[in-house]
Structure formats: C-alpha cells, structure tokens
Amino acid sequence: MLKLTVTCLFFLSLFSCGESPLFNHKLEAKNFINNPMLSESDSLIFKKTKFAFVIQWQEGPQLGTSKFLLRSWNQDLGSMNGPYQDLPRTLHVFLWMPAMGHGSAPVKIKRVGDGEYEVSDVQFIMGGKWEVKFQLKDGNQVFDENLLSLSL
C-alpha cells in the first residue's frame, strides 16, 4: 500500500500544473511576439458585429504580469488607424491554457478613450501555449468571441 501511495504521488507531481522535478523551469523561454502590435491584416474580428480590433502590448507578453491596449472600430466606418469606436457589447478578456485545462486570474479592463481599452493584470502564470479569449457579452451570455494564441 505504501509503494502504491508513493508511486501515485510521484506521478501526480510529474503531471500537475506546478513545477516538475524533471524540468529546469528557470530555462523556460520567454517567447515574445515579434511585433507587439498586430497589423491590419492581423486584426481580429467580431463577426456578428463587424467590429475589428488590434492589441498593442505595453508590457509583455511575458511570464508574470503583462498589459496591452485594445483598439476597436466598426469595419464599415474606420480602420486600425481610426476612428475608434466603443464595442457594442461588454468586453470580457480571459486567459486560458488548453493543454492544462485552466486559465489565470481575471484581468482588469478599463476604457481609456473612444474604442480604446487598457487590459491590465494579465497574468501568464507558467510557460506554454495560451489563448487570450476576447468576448462580447450581454450579461452572462456570450454574444461573439475571438481569440489570440501565443506561446510563452
């Protein structure tokens, strides 16, 4: 029974979300996106509303705390150079690690101008593949969604 317990604890430590004894986490790469602002051809689109947006990293993306500015516009009325317009629904942003089946703490979103939102307290808690999910919501109902994948 003791051998079984020790064996189970060993495998749990290998596959848990914490630091593994088999890897040197100090050597995990901090891969940064080459261009901190997406080009217009890389802009993301909320298809149901015809609103597009780009993000500009102000800090990161990196392990620990990151921050970015999101700029949005109606595709019929503007471009990534403006004029920016407020999103037609409530913006929600959350971080998700598909391989681990968990996300990170909630981010803070602050409107700083017409169609401009500062997203702070973006906590990438470990290296790996992440999804930054952008949602437009009516209350708790997701109206539209898009995502940005990145590796840290």
Protein backbone atom coordinates (compact mmCIF):
# COMPACT_ATOMS: atom_id res chain seq x y z
CA MET A 1 0.00 0.00 0.00
CA LEU A 2 2.85 2.38 0.83
CA LYS A 3 4.51 1.69 -2.56
CA LEU A 4 1.25 2.46 -4.34
CA THR A 5 0.85 5.74 -2.46
CA VAL A 6 4.43 6.82 -3.19
CA THR A 7 4.05 5.86 -6.85
CA CYS A 8 0.79 7.83 -7.15
CA LEU A 9 2.33 10.91 -5.51
CA PHE A 10 5.32 10.70 -7.86
CA PHE A 11 3.11 10.64 -10.97
CA LEU A 12 0.89 13.42 -9.62
CA SER A 13 3.97 15.60 -9.14
CA LEU A 14 5.04 14.92 -12.74
CA PHE A 15 1.73 15.84 -14.32
CA SER A 16 0.45 18.60 -12.05
CA CYS A 17 0.45 22.27 -13.05
CA GLY A 18 3.25 23.07 -10.60
CA GLU A 19 6.94 22.86 -11.27
CA SER A 20 8.05 19.41 -12.32
CA PRO A 21 11.20 17.92 -10.79
CA LEU A 22 12.20 16.72 -14.28
CA PHE A 23 12.40 20.16 -15.91
CA ASN A 24 14.52 23.22 -15.20
CA HIS A 25 11.84 25.93 -15.13
CA LYS A 26 14.47 28.66 -14.88
CA LEU A 27 15.36 27.87 -18.50
CA GLU A 28 11.79 28.24 -19.82
CA ALA A 29 11.90 30.63 -22.76
CA LYS A 30 10.13 33.96 -22.53
CA ASN A 31 8.98 34.00 -26.14
CA PHE A 32 7.73 37.42 -27.09
CA ILE A 33 5.51 38.14 -30.07
CA ASN A 34 7.85 39.64 -32.69
CA ASN A 35 5.57 42.57 -33.47
CA PRO A 36 3.85 43.97 -30.36
CA MET A 37 1.06 45.50 -32.48
CA LEU A 38 -0.85 43.40 -34.96
CA SER A 39 -1.04 44.75 -38.49
CA GLU A 40 -4.42 45.49 -40.06
CA SER A 41 -4.26 42.16 -41.88
CA ASP A 42 -3.70 40.57 -38.45
CA SER A 43 -6.58 42.39 -36.81
CA LEU A 44 -9.15 40.24 -35.07
CA ILE A 45 -12.83 40.47 -35.92
CA PHE A 46 -16.05 40.00 -34.01
CA LYS A 47 -18.03 38.64 -36.96
CA LYS A 48 -21.54 39.20 -35.59
CA THR A 49 -20.93 42.92 -35.04
CA LYS A 50 -18.43 43.68 -37.84
CA PHE A 51 -16.15 45.24 -35.23
CA ALA A 52 -12.43 44.66 -35.64
CA PHE A 53 -9.68 45.23 -33.11
CA VAL A 54 -5.93 45.17 -32.64
CA ILE A 55 -3.89 44.92 -29.50
CA GLN A 56 -0.62 46.62 -28.62
CA TRP A 57 1.38 45.08 -25.80
CA GLN A 58 2.56 47.71 -23.34
CA GLU A 59 4.21 45.10 -21.09
CA GLY A 60 4.96 41.60 -22.31
CA PRO A 61 3.58 39.22 -23.23
CA GLN A 62 5.72 37.51 -20.62
CA LEU A 63 5.58 35.23 -17.63
CA GLY A 64 4.11 37.17 -14.75
CA THR A 65 2.30 40.44 -15.32
CA SER A 66 1.56 41.79 -18.80
CA LYS A 67 -0.60 44.63 -20.11
CA PHE A 68 -1.99 45.66 -23.50
CA LEU A 69 -4.09 48.30 -25.21
CA LEU A 70 -7.03 47.13 -27.33
CA ARG A 71 -8.34 49.45 -30.07
CA SER A 72 -11.66 48.69 -31.79
CA TRP A 73 -13.54 50.05 -34.79
CA ASN A 74 -16.56 49.30 -36.94
CA GLN A 75 -15.24 47.91 -40.24
CA ASP A 76 -17.77 50.00 -42.21
CA LEU A 77 -16.67 53.26 -40.59
CA GLY A 78 -12.99 53.00 -39.69
CA SER A 79 -9.69 51.16 -39.77
CA MET A 80 -6.87 50.32 -37.42
CA ASN A 81 -5.83 53.98 -37.74
CA GLY A 82 -9.23 55.21 -36.54
CA PRO A 83 -11.64 56.50 -35.86
CA TYR A 84 -12.02 54.05 -32.99
CA GLN A 85 -15.46 53.18 -31.71
CA ASP A 86 -16.64 51.60 -28.48
CA LEU A 87 -17.63 47.97 -28.76
CA PRO A 88 -21.40 47.42 -28.97
CA ARG A 89 -21.43 44.91 -26.07
CA THR A 90 -19.48 44.45 -22.84
CA LEU A 91 -15.89 43.34 -23.43
CA HIS A 92 -14.54 40.40 -21.44
CA VAL A 93 -10.98 39.08 -21.75
CA PHE A 94 -9.70 35.93 -20.14
CA LEU A 95 -6.65 33.73 -20.35
CA TRP A 96 -6.84 30.00 -20.98
CA MET A 97 -4.24 27.21 -21.21
CA PRO A 98 -5.91 24.49 -23.31
CA ALA A 99 -3.28 21.84 -22.55
CA MET A 100 -3.66 22.34 -18.81
CA GLY A 101 -7.43 22.83 -18.70
CA HIS A 102 -7.23 26.02 -16.64
CA GLY A 103 -6.85 29.73 -17.00
CA SER A 104 -5.50 32.56 -14.91
CA ALA A 105 -6.85 35.23 -12.60
CA PRO A 106 -9.32 37.72 -14.06
CA VAL A 107 -7.83 40.66 -15.93
CA LYS A 108 -8.81 44.30 -15.41
CA ILE A 109 -10.38 46.21 -18.30
CA LYS A 110 -10.56 50.00 -18.29
CA ARG A 111 -11.99 52.15 -21.07
CA VAL A 112 -9.39 54.87 -21.73
CA GLY A 113 -10.93 56.53 -24.80
CA ASP A 114 -13.35 56.01 -27.67
CA GLY A 115 -12.81 52.38 -28.68
CA GLU A 116 -9.67 52.09 -26.55
CA TYR A 117 -9.42 49.70 -23.62
CA GLU A 118 -6.46 49.10 -21.32
CA VAL A 119 -6.27 45.44 -20.28
CA SER A 120 -4.03 45.01 -17.24
CA ASP A 121 -3.23 42.35 -14.64
CA VAL A 122 -2.76 39.87 -17.47
CA GLN A 123 -1.10 37.05 -15.51
CA PHE A 124 0.65 34.34 -17.51
CA ILE A 125 1.38 32.04 -14.59
CA MET A 126 3.52 29.48 -16.40
CA GLY A 127 5.24 28.84 -19.73
CA GLY A 128 3.34 27.11 -22.52
CA LYS A 129 0.60 27.74 -25.06
CA TRP A 130 -2.02 30.27 -24.05
CA GLU A 131 -5.23 31.60 -25.56
CA VAL A 132 -6.29 35.16 -24.90
CA LYS A 133 -10.07 35.00 -25.38
CA PHE A 134 -11.93 38.16 -26.30
CA GLN A 135 -15.69 38.03 -25.77
CA LEU A 136 -18.57 40.41 -26.25
CA LYS A 137 -21.27 39.63 -23.70
CA ASP A 138 -24.85 40.56 -22.87
CA GLY A 139 -24.88 39.88 -19.14
CA ASN A 140 -23.55 36.34 -18.81
CA GLN A 141 -24.45 35.39 -22.40
CA VAL A 142 -21.53 35.31 -24.88
CA PHE A 143 -22.65 37.18 -27.99
CA ASP A 144 -19.42 36.98 -30.02
CA GLU A 145 -15.88 35.72 -29.49
CA ASN A 146 -12.38 35.66 -30.95
CA LEU A 147 -9.03 34.56 -29.62
CA LEU A 148 -5.31 35.11 -29.94
CA SER A 149 -2.97 32.14 -29.40
CA LEU A 150 0.55 32.64 -28.14
CA SER A 151 3.39 30.67 -26.58
CA LEU A 152 5.48 31.76 -23.63
